Amino acid sequence: MSLPKEIHSFICAFAGIFKLIKSERHAQFHLFATICVIIAGFLFGISKTEWIAVCFAIALVFSAEGFNTTIEKLCDKVSPKYDKKIGDIKDIAAGSVLICSIMAAIIGLIVFVPYVIALF
């Protein structure tokens, strides 16, 4: 591939991220949580290892949200009418986001609770 095509691919990928955040309420919530966590990370001065865990958790949740949104949109395109099997597929995809979000929250608790306790 040529450099202009590579640059165009990156531009399209970034546009996809913005479309996800603009169109999906849950992605907006995840963005708000991400901003709060990053601010807390700087305020508490978390370690490099803790930053790695937090960044990985953030990336995992946004990736899961992106995959879920893609699956839902594809299912809606393929089967505009209600279909039980399509509903199951969409539920499983949404459940995967929930699993990632719960794990991210657990990572957040493991990282930040000791800092909060140390304040008292």
PDB file of N, CA and C in Angstrom:
ATOM      1  N   MET A   1       0.833  -1.189   0.000  1.00  0.00           N
ATOM      2  CA  MET A   1       0.000   0.000   0.000  1.00  0.00           C
ATOM      3  C   MET A   1       0.879   1.254   0.000  1.00  0.00           C
ATOM      4  N   SER A   2       0.327   2.300  -0.555  1.00  0.00           N
ATOM      5  CA  SER A   2       1.049   3.564  -0.584  1.00  0.00           C
ATOM      6  C   SER A   2       0.759   4.358   0.683  1.00  0.00           C
ATOM      7  N   LEU A   3       1.628   5.301   0.968  1.00  0.00           N
ATOM      8  CA  LEU A   3       1.476   6.130   2.164  1.00  0.00           C
ATOM      9  C   LEU A   3       0.140   6.887   2.173  1.00  0.00           C
ATOM     10  N   PRO A   4      -0.285   7.490   1.057  1.00  0.00           N
ATOM     11  CA  PRO A   4      -1.598   8.165   1.087  1.00  0.00           C
ATOM     12  C   PRO A   4      -2.755   7.224   1.435  1.00  0.00           C
ATOM     13  N   LYS A   5      -2.690   5.986   0.954  1.00  0.00           N
ATOM     14  CA  LYS A   5      -3.745   5.027   1.289  1.00  0.00           C
ATOM     15  C   LYS A   5      -3.697   4.664   2.768  1.00  0.00           C
ATOM     16  N   GLU A   6      -2.493   4.529   3.314  1.00  0.00           N
ATOM     17  CA  GLU A   6      -2.349   4.239   4.744  1.00  0.00           C
ATOM     18  C   GLU A   6      -2.901   5.389   5.581  1.00  0.00           C
ATOM     19  N   ILE A   7      -2.571   6.599   5.196  1.00  0.00           N
ATOM     20  CA  ILE A   7      -3.076   7.777   5.915  1.00  0.00           C
ATOM     21  C   ILE A   7      -4.596   7.822   5.840  1.00  0.00           C
ATOM     22  N   HIS A   8      -5.134   7.553   4.653  1.00  0.00           N
ATOM     23  CA  HIS A   8      -6.603   7.531   4.490  1.00  0.00           C
ATOM     24  C   HIS A   8      -7.232   6.471   5.401  1.00  0.00           C
ATOM     25  N   SER A   9      -6.593   5.305   5.528  1.00  0.00           N
ATOM     26  CA  SER A   9      -7.110   4.245   6.406  1.00  0.00           C
ATOM     27  C   SER A   9      -7.161   4.709   7.851  1.00  0.00           C
ATOM     28  N   PHE A  10      -6.117   5.408   8.301  1.00  0.00           N
ATOM     29  CA  PHE A  10      -6.106   5.917   9.673  1.00  0.00           C
ATOM     30  C   PHE A  10      -7.190   6.967   9.865  1.00  0.00           C
ATOM     31  N   ILE A  11      -7.369   7.829   8.875  1.00  0.00           N
ATOM     32  CA  ILE A  11      -8.412   8.849   8.970  1.00  0.00           C
ATOM     33  C   ILE A  11      -9.786   8.190   9.088  1.00  0.00           C
ATOM     34  N   CYS A  12     -10.020   7.154   8.292  1.00  0.00           N
ATOM     35  CA  CYS A  12     -11.300   6.436   8.365  1.00  0.00           C
ATOM     36  C   CYS A  12     -11.479   5.758   9.724  1.00  0.00           C
ATOM     37  N   ALA A  13     -10.401   5.191  10.254  1.00  0.00           N
ATOM     38  CA  ALA A  13     -10.481   4.533  11.566  1.00  0.00           C
ATOM     39  C   ALA A  13     -10.805   5.551  12.663  1.00  0.00           C
ATOM     40  N   PHE A  14     -10.151   6.707  12.642  1.00  0.00           N
ATOM     41  CA  PHE A  14     -10.454   7.737  13.632  1.00  0.00           C
ATOM     42  C   PHE A  14     -11.885   8.242  13.466  1.00  0.00           C
ATOM     43  N   ALA A  15     -12.343   8.357  12.225  1.00  0.00           N
ATOM     44  CA  ALA A  15     -13.738   8.757  11.983  1.00  0.00           C
ATOM     45  C   ALA A  15     -14.690   7.738  12.598  1.00  0.00           C
ATOM     46  N   GLY A  16     -14.323   6.460  12.524  1.00  0.00           N
ATOM     47  CA  GLY A  16     -15.148   5.418  13.136  1.00  0.00           C
ATOM     48  C   GLY A  16     -15.249   5.588  14.644  1.00  0.00           C
ATOM     49  N   ILE A  17     -14.137   5.960  15.275  1.00  0.00           N
ATOM     50  CA  ILE A  17     -14.153   6.195  16.723  1.00  0.00           C
ATOM     51  C   ILE A  17     -15.104   7.337  17.052  1.00  0.00           C
ATOM     52  N   PHE A  18     -15.017   8.423  16.293  1.00  0.00           N
ATOM     53  CA  PHE A  18     -15.889   9.568  16.542  1.00  0.00           C
ATOM     54  C   PHE A  18     -17.353   9.229  16.276  1.00  0.00           C
ATOM     55  N   LYS A  19     -17.626   8.416  15.240  1.00  0.00           N
ATOM     56  CA  LYS A  19     -18.999   7.988  14.968  1.00  0.00           C
ATOM     57  C   LYS A  19     -19.537   7.154  16.117  1.00  0.00           C
ATOM     58  N   LEU A  20     -18.695   6.285  16.662  1.00  0.00           N
ATOM     59  CA  LEU A  20     -19.100   5.458  17.800  1.00  0.00           C
ATOM     60  C   LEU A  20     -19.494   6.334  18.974  1.00  0.00           C
ATOM     61  N   ILE A  21     -18.636   7.279  19.318  1.00  0.00           N
ATOM     62  CA  ILE A  21     -18.890   8.135  20.483  1.00  0.00           C
ATOM     63  C   ILE A  21     -20.091   9.047  20.238  1.00  0.00           C
ATOM     64  N   LYS A  22     -20.214   9.558  19.027  1.00  0.00           N
ATOM     65  CA  LYS A  22     -21.325  10.466  18.720  1.00  0.00           C
ATOM     66  C   LYS A  22     -22.677   9.756  18.723  1.00  0.00           C
ATOM     67  N   SER A  23     -22.699   8.513  18.256  1.00  0.00           N
ATOM     68  CA  SER A  23     -23.987   7.849  18.047  1.00  0.00           C
ATOM     69  C   SER A  23     -24.424   6.913  19.171  1.00  0.00           C
ATOM     70  N   GLU A  24     -23.508   6.519  20.034  1.00  0.00           N
ATOM     71  CA  GLU A  24     -23.849   5.512  21.041  1.00  0.00           C
ATOM     72  C   GLU A  24     -23.807   6.097  22.449  1.00  0.00           C
ATOM     73  N   ARG A  25     -24.944   6.066  23.111  1.00  0.00           N
ATOM     74  CA  ARG A  25     -25.065   6.614  24.470  1.00  0.00           C
ATOM     75  C   ARG A  25     -24.092   5.940  25.437  1.00  0.00           C
ATOM     76  N   HIS A  26     -23.951   4.616  25.329  1.00  0.00           N
ATOM     77  CA  HIS A  26     -23.046   3.913  26.234  1.00  0.00           C
ATOM     78  C   HIS A  26     -21.588   4.303  25.989  1.00  0.00           C
ATOM     79  N   ALA A  27     -21.233   4.535  24.739  1.00  0.00           N
ATOM     80  CA  ALA A  27     -19.872   4.977  24.435  1.00  0.00           C
ATOM     81  C   ALA A  27     -19.625   6.359  25.044  1.00  0.00           C
ATOM     82  N   GLN A  28     -20.650   7.203  25.061  1.00  0.00           N
ATOM     83  CA  GLN A  28     -20.525   8.524  25.682  1.00  0.00           C
ATOM     84  C   GLN A  28     -20.324   8.380  27.191  1.00  0.00           C
ATOM     85  N   PHE A  29     -21.046   7.456  27.793  1.00  0.00           N
ATOM     86  CA  PHE A  29     -20.855   7.187  29.222  1.00  0.00           C
ATOM     87  C   PHE A  29     -19.432   6.684  29.476  1.00  0.00           C
ATOM     88  N   HIS A  30     -18.956   5.767  28.616  1.00  0.00           N
ATOM     89  CA  HIS A  30     -17.594   5.243  28.780  1.00  0.00           C
ATOM     90  C   HIS A  30     -16.560   6.356  28.610  1.00  0.00           C
ATOM     91  N   LEU A  31     -16.814   7.284  27.698  1.00  0.00           N
ATOM     92  CA  LEU A  31     -15.899   8.407  27.518  1.00  0.00           C
ATOM     93  C   LEU A  31     -15.861   9.269  28.772  1.00  0.00           C
ATOM     94  N   PHE A  32     -17.030   9.549  29.350  1.00  0.00           N
ATOM     95  CA  PHE A  32     -17.082  10.331  30.592  1.00  0.00           C
ATOM     96  C   PHE A  32     -16.315   9.616  31.703  1.00  0.00           C
ATOM     97  N   ALA A  33     -16.542   8.312  31.841  1.00  0.00           N
ATOM     98  CA  ALA A  33     -15.832   7.536  32.864  1.00  0.00           C
ATOM     99  C   ALA A  33     -14.331   7.547  32.605  1.00  0.00           C
ATOM    100  N   THR A  34     -13.943   7.448  31.344  1.00  0.00           N
ATOM    101  CA  THR A  34     -12.525   7.475  30.979  1.00  0.00           C
ATOM    102  C   THR A  34     -11.881   8.790  31.402  1.00  0.00           C
ATOM    103  N   ILE A  35     -12.552   9.888  31.117  1.00  0.00           N
ATOM    104  CA  ILE A  35     -12.016  11.199  31.495  1.00  0.00           C
ATOM    105  C   ILE A  35     -11.872  11.293  33.010  1.00  0.00           C
ATOM    106  N   CYS A  36     -12.873  10.826  33.749  1.00  0.00           N
ATOM    107  CA  CYS A  36     -12.804  10.844  35.215  1.00  0.00           C
ATOM    108  C   CYS A  36     -11.649  10.001  35.725  1.00  0.00           C
ATOM    109  N   VAL A  37     -11.467   8.826  35.153  1.00  0.00           N
ATOM    110  CA  VAL A  37     -10.399   7.922  35.586  1.00  0.00           C
ATOM    111  C   VAL A  37      -9.027   8.514  35.276  1.00  0.00           C
ATOM    112  N   ILE A  38      -8.881   9.125  34.115  1.00  0.00           N
ATOM    113  CA  ILE A  38      -7.591   9.736  33.765  1.00  0.00           C
ATOM    114  C   ILE A  38      -7.274  10.889  34.709  1.00  0.00           C
ATOM    115  N   ILE A  39      -8.260  11.711  34.997  1.00  0.00           N
ATOM    116  CA  ILE A  39      -8.053  12.808  35.954  1.00  0.00           C
ATOM    117  C   ILE A  39      -7.666  12.247  37.318  1.00  0.00           C
ATOM    118  N   ALA A  40      -8.386  11.218  37.780  1.00  0.00           N
ATOM    119  CA  ALA A  40      -8.066  10.601  39.071  1.00  0.00           C
ATOM    120  C   ALA A  40      -6.658  10.012  39.059  1.00  0.00           C
ATOM    121  N   GLY A  41      -6.276   9.410  37.941  1.00  0.00           N
ATOM    122  CA  GLY A  41      -4.935   8.837  37.837  1.00  0.00           C
ATOM    123  C   GLY A  41      -3.858   9.881  38.020  1.00  0.00           C
ATOM    124  N   PHE A  42      -4.046  11.047  37.408  1.00  0.00           N
ATOM    125  CA  PHE A  42      -3.067  12.126  37.574  1.00  0.00           C
ATOM    126  C   PHE A  42      -3.107  12.705  38.984  1.00  0.00           C
ATOM    127  N   LEU A  43      -4.307  12.881  39.535  1.00  0.00           N
ATOM    128  CA  LEU A  43      -4.419  13.443  40.884  1.00  0.00           C
ATOM    129  C   LEU A  43      -3.785  12.536  41.940  1.00  0.00           C
ATOM    130  N   PHE A  44      -3.989  11.223  41.800  1.00  0.00           N
ATOM    131  CA  PHE A  44      -3.445  10.283  42.780  1.00  0.00           C
ATOM    132  C   PHE A  44      -2.009   9.876  42.453  1.00  0.00           C
ATOM    133  N   GLY A  45      -1.536  10.192  41.273  1.00  0.00           N
ATOM    134  CA  GLY A  45      -0.174   9.822  40.903  1.00  0.00           C
ATOM    135  C   GLY A  45       0.021   8.311  40.839  1.00  0.00           C
ATOM    136  N   ILE A  46      -0.888   7.628  40.157  1.00  0.00           N
ATOM    137  CA  ILE A  46      -0.798   6.167  40.094  1.00  0.00           C
ATOM    138  C   ILE A  46       0.492   5.749  39.383  1.00  0.00           C
ATOM    139  N   SER A  47       0.928   4.544  39.664  1.00  0.00           N
ATOM    140  CA  SER A  47       2.202   4.037  39.136  1.00  0.00           C
ATOM    141  C   SER A  47       2.091   3.687  37.648  1.00  0.00           C
ATOM    142  N   LYS A  48       3.250   3.449  37.044  1.00  0.00           N
ATOM    143  CA  LYS A  48       3.276   3.066  35.627  1.00  0.00           C
ATOM    144  C   LYS A  48       2.504   1.764  35.407  1.00  0.00           C
ATOM    145  N   THR A  49       2.680   0.816  36.301  1.00  0.00           N
ATOM    146  CA  THR A  49       1.966  -0.463  36.187  1.00  0.00           C
ATOM    147  C   THR A  49       0.466  -0.252  36.307  1.00  0.00           C
ATOM    148  N   GLU A  50       0.044   0.615  37.205  1.00  0.00           N
ATOM    149  CA  GLU A  50      -1.382   0.915  37.350  1.00  0.00           C
ATOM    150  C   GLU A  50      -1.921   1.619  36.100  1.00  0.00           C
ATOM    151  N   TRP A  51      -1.122   2.514  35.511  1.00  0.00           N
ATOM    152  CA  TRP A  51      -1.535   3.160  34.267  1.00  0.00           C
ATOM    153  C   TRP A  51      -1.737   2.128  33.166  1.00  0.00           C
ATOM    154  N   ILE A  52      -0.839   1.148  33.106  1.00  0.00           N
ATOM    155  CA  ILE A  52      -0.968   0.099  32.089  1.00  0.00           C
ATOM    156  C   ILE A  52      -2.295  -0.635  32.268  1.00  0.00           C
ATOM    157  N   ALA A  53      -2.616  -1.002  33.507  1.00  0.00           N
ATOM    158  CA  ALA A  53      -3.873  -1.710  33.774  1.00  0.00           C
ATOM    159  C   ALA A  53      -5.075  -0.843  33.415  1.00  0.00           C
ATOM    160  N   VAL A  54      -5.036   0.426  33.809  1.00  0.00           N
ATOM    161  CA  VAL A  54      -6.147   1.339  33.541  1.00  0.00           C
ATOM    162  C   VAL A  54      -6.306   1.559  32.034  1.00  0.00           C
ATOM    163  N   CYS A  55      -5.205   1.806  31.331  1.00  0.00           N
ATOM    164  CA  CYS A  55      -5.271   2.027  29.875  1.00  0.00           C
ATOM    165  C   CYS A  55      -5.772   0.778  29.150  1.00  0.00           C
ATOM    166  N   PHE A  56      -5.322  -0.384  29.594  1.00  0.00           N
ATOM    167  CA  PHE A  56      -5.786  -1.626  28.985  1.00  0.00           C
ATOM    168  C   PHE A  56      -7.290  -1.790  29.199  1.00  0.00           C
ATOM    169  N   ALA A  57      -7.756  -1.490  30.398  1.00  0.00           N
ATOM    170  CA  ALA A  57      -9.186  -1.612  30.697  1.00  0.00           C
ATOM    171  C   ALA A  57     -10.005  -0.643  29.848  1.00  0.00           C
ATOM    172  N   ILE A  58      -9.519   0.575  29.695  1.00  0.00           N
ATOM    173  CA  ILE A  58     -10.215   1.568  28.868  1.00  0.00           C
ATOM    174  C   ILE A  58     -10.299   1.074  27.424  1.00  0.00           C
ATOM    175  N   ALA A  59      -9.170   0.619  26.895  1.00  0.00           N
ATOM    176  CA  ALA A  59      -9.139   0.135  25.510  1.00  0.00           C
ATOM    177  C   ALA A  59     -10.051  -1.073  25.332  1.00  0.00           C
ATOM    178  N   LEU A  60     -10.066  -1.951  26.310  1.00  0.00           N
ATOM    179  CA  LEU A  60     -10.903  -3.144  26.231  1.00  0.00           C
ATOM    180  C   LEU A  60     -12.384  -2.776  26.158  1.00  0.00           C
ATOM    181  N   VAL A  61     -12.804  -1.844  26.999  1.00  0.00           N
ATOM    182  CA  VAL A  61     -14.219  -1.453  27.023  1.00  0.00           C
ATOM    183  C   VAL A  61     -14.616  -0.765  25.720  1.00  0.00           C
ATOM    184  N   PHE A  62     -13.790   0.176  25.244  1.00  0.00           N
ATOM    185  CA  PHE A  62     -14.128   0.857  23.994  1.00  0.00           C
ATOM    186  C   PHE A  62     -14.119  -0.104  22.806  1.00  0.00           C
ATOM    187  N   SER A  63     -13.179  -1.040  22.799  1.00  0.00           N
ATOM    188  CA  SER A  63     -13.151  -2.032  21.718  1.00  0.00           C
ATOM    189  C   SER A  63     -14.399  -2.898  21.759  1.00  0.00           C
ATOM    190  N   ALA A  64     -14.773  -3.349  22.945  1.00  0.00           N
ATOM    191  CA  ALA A  64     -15.980  -4.168  23.075  1.00  0.00           C
ATOM    192  C   ALA A  64     -17.209  -3.387  22.642  1.00  0.00           C
ATOM    193  N   GLU A  65     -17.278  -2.122  23.020  1.00  0.00           N
ATOM    194  CA  GLU A  65     -18.411  -1.279  22.626  1.00  0.00           C
ATOM    195  C   GLU A  65     -18.447  -1.120  21.107  1.00  0.00           C
ATOM    196  N   GLY A  66     -17.292  -0.958  20.495  1.00  0.00           N
ATOM    197  CA  GLY A  66     -17.228  -0.845  19.042  1.00  0.00           C
ATOM    198  C   GLY A  66     -17.672  -2.121  18.353  1.00  0.00           C
ATOM    199  N   PHE A  67     -17.195  -3.270  18.838  1.00  0.00           N
ATOM    200  CA  PHE A  67     -17.617  -4.551  18.260  1.00  0.00           C
ATOM    201  C   PHE A  67     -19.119  -4.753  18.438  1.00  0.00           C
ATOM    202  N   ASN A  68     -19.621  -4.423  19.610  1.00  0.00           N
ATOM    203  CA  ASN A  68     -21.049  -4.574  19.885  1.00  0.00           C
ATOM    204  C   ASN A  68     -21.874  -3.707  18.942  1.00  0.00           C
ATOM    205  N   THR A  69     -21.477  -2.462  18.785  1.00  0.00           N
ATOM    206  CA  THR A  69     -22.202  -1.556  17.899  1.00  0.00           C
ATOM    207  C   THR A  69     -22.173  -2.070  16.464  1.00  0.00           C
ATOM    208  N   THR A  70     -21.024  -2.558  16.040  1.00  0.00           N
ATOM    209  CA  THR A  70     -20.895  -3.097  14.691  1.00  0.00           C
ATOM    210  C   THR A  70     -21.818  -4.292  14.490  1.00  0.00           C
ATOM    211  N   ILE A  71     -21.825  -5.195  15.460  1.00  0.00           N
ATOM    212  CA  ILE A  71     -22.694  -6.374  15.369  1.00  0.00           C
ATOM    213  C   ILE A  71     -24.158  -5.962  15.322  1.00  0.00           C
ATOM    214  N   GLU A  72     -24.549  -5.012  16.189  1.00  0.00           N
ATOM    215  CA  GLU A  72     -25.943  -4.569  16.210  1.00  0.00           C
ATOM    216  C   GLU A  72     -26.355  -3.928  14.890  1.00  0.00           C
ATOM    217  N   LYS A  73     -25.499  -3.060  14.349  1.00  0.00           N
ATOM    218  CA  LYS A  73     -25.823  -2.400  13.085  1.00  0.00           C
ATOM    219  C   LYS A  73     -25.888  -3.403  11.935  1.00  0.00           C
ATOM    220  N   LEU A  74     -24.987  -4.344  11.923  1.00  0.00           N
ATOM    221  CA  LEU A  74     -24.993  -5.367  10.884  1.00  0.00           C
ATOM    222  C   LEU A  74     -26.252  -6.237  10.983  1.00  0.00           C
ATOM    223  N   CYS A  75     -26.602  -6.613  12.203  1.00  0.00           N
ATOM    224  CA  CYS A  75     -27.819  -7.413  12.407  1.00  0.00           C
ATOM    225  C   CYS A  75     -29.063  -6.652  11.950  1.00  0.00           C
ATOM    226  N   ASP A  76     -29.118  -5.360  12.272  1.00  0.00           N
ATOM    227  CA  ASP A  76     -30.267  -4.544  11.864  1.00  0.00           C
ATOM    228  C   ASP A  76     -30.346  -4.435  10.341  1.00  0.00           C
ATOM    229  N   LYS A  77     -29.199  -4.383   9.684  1.00  0.00           N
ATOM    230  CA  LYS A  77     -29.169  -4.294   8.221  1.00  0.00           C
ATOM    231  C   LYS A  77     -29.600  -5.617   7.582  1.00  0.00           C
ATOM    232  N   VAL A  78     -29.107  -6.720   8.136  1.00  0.00           N
ATOM    233  CA  VAL A  78     -29.404  -8.042   7.579  1.00  0.00           C
ATOM    234  C   VAL A  78     -30.839  -8.457   7.868  1.00  0.00           C
ATOM    235  N   SER A  79     -31.328  -8.112   9.056  1.00  0.00           N
ATOM    236  CA  SER A  79     -32.666  -8.542   9.457  1.00  0.00           C
ATOM    237  C   SER A  79     -33.405  -7.380  10.114  1.00  0.00           C
ATOM    238  N   PRO A  80     -33.996  -6.490   9.290  1.00  0.00           N
ATOM    239  CA  PRO A  80     -34.685  -5.317   9.847  1.00  0.00           C
ATOM    240  C   PRO A  80     -35.880  -5.679  10.741  1.00  0.00           C
ATOM    241  N   LYS A  81     -36.532  -6.796  10.451  1.00  0.00           N
ATOM    242  CA  LYS A  81     -37.665  -7.240  11.264  1.00  0.00           C
ATOM    243  C   LYS A  81     -37.141  -8.032  12.457  1.00  0.00           C
ATOM    244  N   TYR A  82     -37.972  -8.093  13.503  1.00  0.00           N
ATOM    245  CA  TYR A  82     -37.558  -8.841  14.697  1.00  0.00           C
ATOM    246  C   TYR A  82     -37.318 -10.304  14.351  1.00  0.00           C
ATOM    247  N   ASP A  83     -36.207 -10.808  14.873  1.00  0.00           N
ATOM    248  CA  ASP A  83     -35.838 -12.211  14.711  1.00  0.00           C
ATOM    249  C   ASP A  83     -35.231 -12.668  16.027  1.00  0.00           C
ATOM    250  N   LYS A  84     -35.766 -13.731  16.603  1.00  0.00           N
ATOM    251  CA  LYS A  84     -35.313 -14.226  17.911  1.00  0.00           C
ATOM    252  C   LYS A  84     -33.815 -14.509  17.915  1.00  0.00           C
ATOM    253  N   LYS A  85     -33.307 -15.151  16.878  1.00  0.00           N
ATOM    254  CA  LYS A  85     -31.884 -15.481  16.830  1.00  0.00           C
ATOM    255  C   LYS A  85     -31.019 -14.225  16.731  1.00  0.00           C
ATOM    256  N   ILE A  86     -31.478 -13.245  15.958  1.00  0.00           N
ATOM    257  CA  ILE A  86     -30.758 -11.964  15.876  1.00  0.00           C
ATOM    258  C   ILE A  86     -30.780 -11.282  17.243  1.00  0.00           C
ATOM    259  N   GLY A  87     -31.910 -11.344  17.921  1.00  0.00           N
ATOM    260  CA  GLY A  87     -32.006 -10.784  19.272  1.00  0.00           C
ATOM    261  C   GLY A  87     -31.027 -11.441  20.225  1.00  0.00           C
ATOM    262  N   ASP A  88     -30.904 -12.766  20.124  1.00  0.00           N
ATOM    263  CA  ASP A  88     -29.936 -13.487  20.967  1.00  0.00           C
ATOM    264  C   ASP A  88     -28.511 -13.029  20.665  1.00  0.00           C
ATOM    265  N   ILE A  89     -28.193 -12.879  19.381  1.00  0.00           N
ATOM    266  CA  ILE A  89     -26.852 -12.429  18.978  1.00  0.00           C
ATOM    267  C   ILE A  89     -26.565 -11.050  19.565  1.00  0.00           C
ATOM    268  N   LYS A  90     -27.526 -10.152  19.461  1.00  0.00           N
ATOM    269  CA  LYS A  90     -27.340  -8.797  19.992  1.00  0.00           C
ATOM    270  C   LYS A  90     -27.209  -8.807  21.517  1.00  0.00           C
ATOM    271  N   ASP A  91     -27.971  -9.666  22.183  1.00  0.00           N
ATOM    272  CA  ASP A  91     -27.856  -9.787  23.644  1.00  0.00           C
ATOM    273  C   ASP A  91     -26.482 -10.301  24.054  1.00  0.00           C
ATOM    274  N   ILE A  92     -25.978 -11.276  23.335  1.00  0.00           N
ATOM    275  CA  ILE A  92     -24.652 -11.824  23.647  1.00  0.00           C
ATOM    276  C   ILE A  92     -23.573 -10.762  23.438  1.00  0.00           C
ATOM    277  N   ALA A  93     -23.679 -10.001  22.342  1.00  0.00           N
ATOM    278  CA  ALA A  93     -22.707  -8.940  22.088  1.00  0.00           C
ATOM    279  C   ALA A  93     -22.759  -7.885  23.197  1.00  0.00           C
ATOM    280  N   ALA A  94     -23.954  -7.504  23.608  1.00  0.00           N
ATOM    281  CA  ALA A  94     -24.104  -6.529  24.691  1.00  0.00           C
ATOM    282  C   ALA A  94     -23.579  -7.099  26.008  1.00  0.00           C
ATOM    283  N   GLY A  95     -23.796  -8.387  26.225  1.00  0.00           N
ATOM    284  CA  GLY A  95     -23.273  -9.035  27.425  1.00  0.00           C
ATOM    285  C   GLY A  95     -21.750  -9.017  27.473  1.00  0.00           C
ATOM    286  N   SER A  96     -21.140  -9.120  26.314  1.00  0.00           N
ATOM    287  CA  SER A  96     -19.677  -9.065  26.250  1.00  0.00           C
ATOM    288  C   SER A  96     -19.163  -7.694  26.684  1.00  0.00           C
ATOM    289  N   VAL A  97     -19.859  -6.643  26.280  1.00  0.00           N
ATOM    290  CA  VAL A  97     -19.492  -5.300  26.731  1.00  0.00           C
ATOM    291  C   VAL A  97     -19.650  -5.202  28.244  1.00  0.00           C
ATOM    292  N   LEU A  98     -20.723  -5.770  28.754  1.00  0.00           N
ATOM    293  CA  LEU A  98     -20.954  -5.735  30.201  1.00  0.00           C
ATOM    294  C   LEU A  98     -19.830  -6.451  30.954  1.00  0.00           C
ATOM    295  N   ILE A  99     -19.403  -7.597  30.451  1.00  0.00           N
ATOM    296  CA  ILE A  99     -18.289  -8.321  31.081  1.00  0.00           C
ATOM    297  C   ILE A  99     -17.046  -7.436  31.122  1.00  0.00           C
ATOM    298  N   CYS A 100     -16.722  -6.809  29.997  1.00  0.00           N
ATOM    299  CA  CYS A 100     -15.538  -5.940  29.937  1.00  0.00           C
ATOM    300  C   CYS A 100     -15.686  -4.743  30.872  1.00  0.00           C
ATOM    301  N   SER A 101     -16.884  -4.174  30.931  1.00  0.00           N
ATOM    302  CA  SER A 101     -17.124  -3.022  31.798  1.00  0.00           C
ATOM    303  C   SER A 101     -17.012  -3.387  33.270  1.00  0.00           C
ATOM    304  N   ILE A 102     -17.533  -4.544  33.642  1.00  0.00           N
ATOM    305  CA  ILE A 102     -17.421  -4.992  35.031  1.00  0.00           C
ATOM    306  C   ILE A 102     -15.954  -5.212  35.390  1.00  0.00           C
ATOM    307  N   MET A 103     -15.207  -5.845  34.482  1.00  0.00           N
ATOM    308  CA  MET A 103     -13.786  -6.073  34.753  1.00  0.00           C
ATOM    309  C   MET A 103     -13.036  -4.740  34.847  1.00  0.00           C
ATOM    310  N   ALA A 104     -13.379  -3.778  33.999  1.00  0.00           N
ATOM    311  CA  ALA A 104     -12.741  -2.460  34.075  1.00  0.00           C
ATOM    312  C   ALA A 104     -13.049  -1.793  35.412  1.00  0.00           C
ATOM    313  N   ALA A 105     -14.279  -1.940  35.885  1.00  0.00           N
ATOM    314  CA  ALA A 105     -14.643  -1.371  37.190  1.00  0.00           C
ATOM    315  C   ALA A 105     -13.864  -2.047  38.309  1.00  0.00           C
ATOM    316  N   ILE A 106     -13.685  -3.356  38.220  1.00  0.00           N
ATOM    317  CA  ILE A 106     -12.902  -4.081  39.228  1.00  0.00           C
ATOM    318  C   ILE A 106     -11.451  -3.603  39.214  1.00  0.00           C
ATOM    319  N   ILE A 107     -10.892  -3.438  38.015  1.00  0.00           N
ATOM    320  CA  ILE A 107      -9.523  -2.923  37.909  1.00  0.00           C
ATOM    321  C   ILE A 107      -9.453  -1.531  38.524  1.00  0.00           C
ATOM    322  N   GLY A 108     -10.457  -0.702  38.231  1.00  0.00           N
ATOM    323  CA  GLY A 108     -10.494   0.635  38.822  1.00  0.00           C
ATOM    324  C   GLY A 108     -10.541   0.599  40.339  1.00  0.00           C
ATOM    325  N   LEU A 109     -11.328  -0.299  40.885  1.00  0.00           N
ATOM    326  CA  LEU A 109     -11.392  -0.425  42.348  1.00  0.00           C
ATOM    327  C   LEU A 109     -10.055  -0.880  42.922  1.00  0.00           C
ATOM    328  N   ILE A 110      -9.448  -1.870  42.293  1.00  0.00           N
ATOM    329  CA  ILE A 110      -8.147  -2.371  42.762  1.00  0.00           C
ATOM    330  C   ILE A 110      -7.104  -1.260  42.743  1.00  0.00           C
ATOM    331  N   VAL A 111      -7.118  -0.447  41.690  1.00  0.00           N
ATOM    332  CA  VAL A 111      -6.122   0.622  41.563  1.00  0.00           C
ATOM    333  C   VAL A 111      -6.429   1.786  42.500  1.00  0.00           C
ATOM    334  N   PHE A 112      -7.673   2.255  42.541  1.00  0.00           N
ATOM    335  CA  PHE A 112      -7.966   3.529  43.199  1.00  0.00           C
ATOM    336  C   PHE A 112      -8.390   3.443  44.662  1.00  0.00           C
ATOM    337  N   VAL A 113      -8.980   2.347  45.083  1.00  0.00           N
ATOM    338  CA  VAL A 113      -9.433   2.267  46.480  1.00  0.00           C
ATOM    339  C   VAL A 113      -8.290   2.492  47.479  1.00  0.00           C
ATOM    340  N   PRO A 114      -7.115   1.889  47.288  1.00  0.00           N
ATOM    341  CA  PRO A 114      -6.032   2.167  48.245  1.00  0.00           C
ATOM    342  C   PRO A 114      -5.658   3.655  48.329  1.00  0.00           C
ATOM    343  N   TYR A 115      -5.717   4.359  47.204  1.00  0.00           N
ATOM    344  CA  TYR A 115      -5.417   5.793  47.216  1.00  0.00           C
ATOM    345  C   TYR A 115      -6.482   6.560  47.968  1.00  0.00           C
ATOM    346  N   VAL A 116      -7.747   6.189  47.785  1.00  0.00           N
ATOM    347  CA  VAL A 116      -8.843   6.856  48.474  1.00  0.00           C
ATOM    348  C   VAL A 116      -8.764   6.573  49.981  1.00  0.00           C
ATOM    349  N   ILE A 117      -8.483   5.320  50.339  1.00  0.00           N
ATOM    350  CA  ILE A 117      -8.354   4.969  51.758  1.00  0.00           C
ATOM    351  C   ILE A 117      -7.214   5.748  52.403  1.00  0.00           C
ATOM    352  N   ALA A 118      -6.124   5.941  51.672  1.00  0.00           N
ATOM    353  CA  ALA A 118      -4.968   6.658  52.207  1.00  0.00           C
ATOM    354  C   ALA A 118      -5.297   8.125  52.509  1.00  0.00           C
ATOM    355  N   LEU A 119      -6.348   8.658  51.916  1.00  0.00           N
ATOM    356  CA  LEU A 119      -6.741  10.046  52.188  1.00  0.00           C
ATOM    357  C   LEU A 119      -7.304  10.215  53.587  1.00  0.00           C
ATOM    358  N   PHE A 120      -7.805   9.118  54.178  1.00  0.00           N
ATOM    359  CA  PHE A 120      -8.480   9.204  55.487  1.00  0.00           C
ATOM    360  C   PHE A 120      -7.640   8.706  56.611  1.00  0.00           C
TER     361      PHE A 120
END
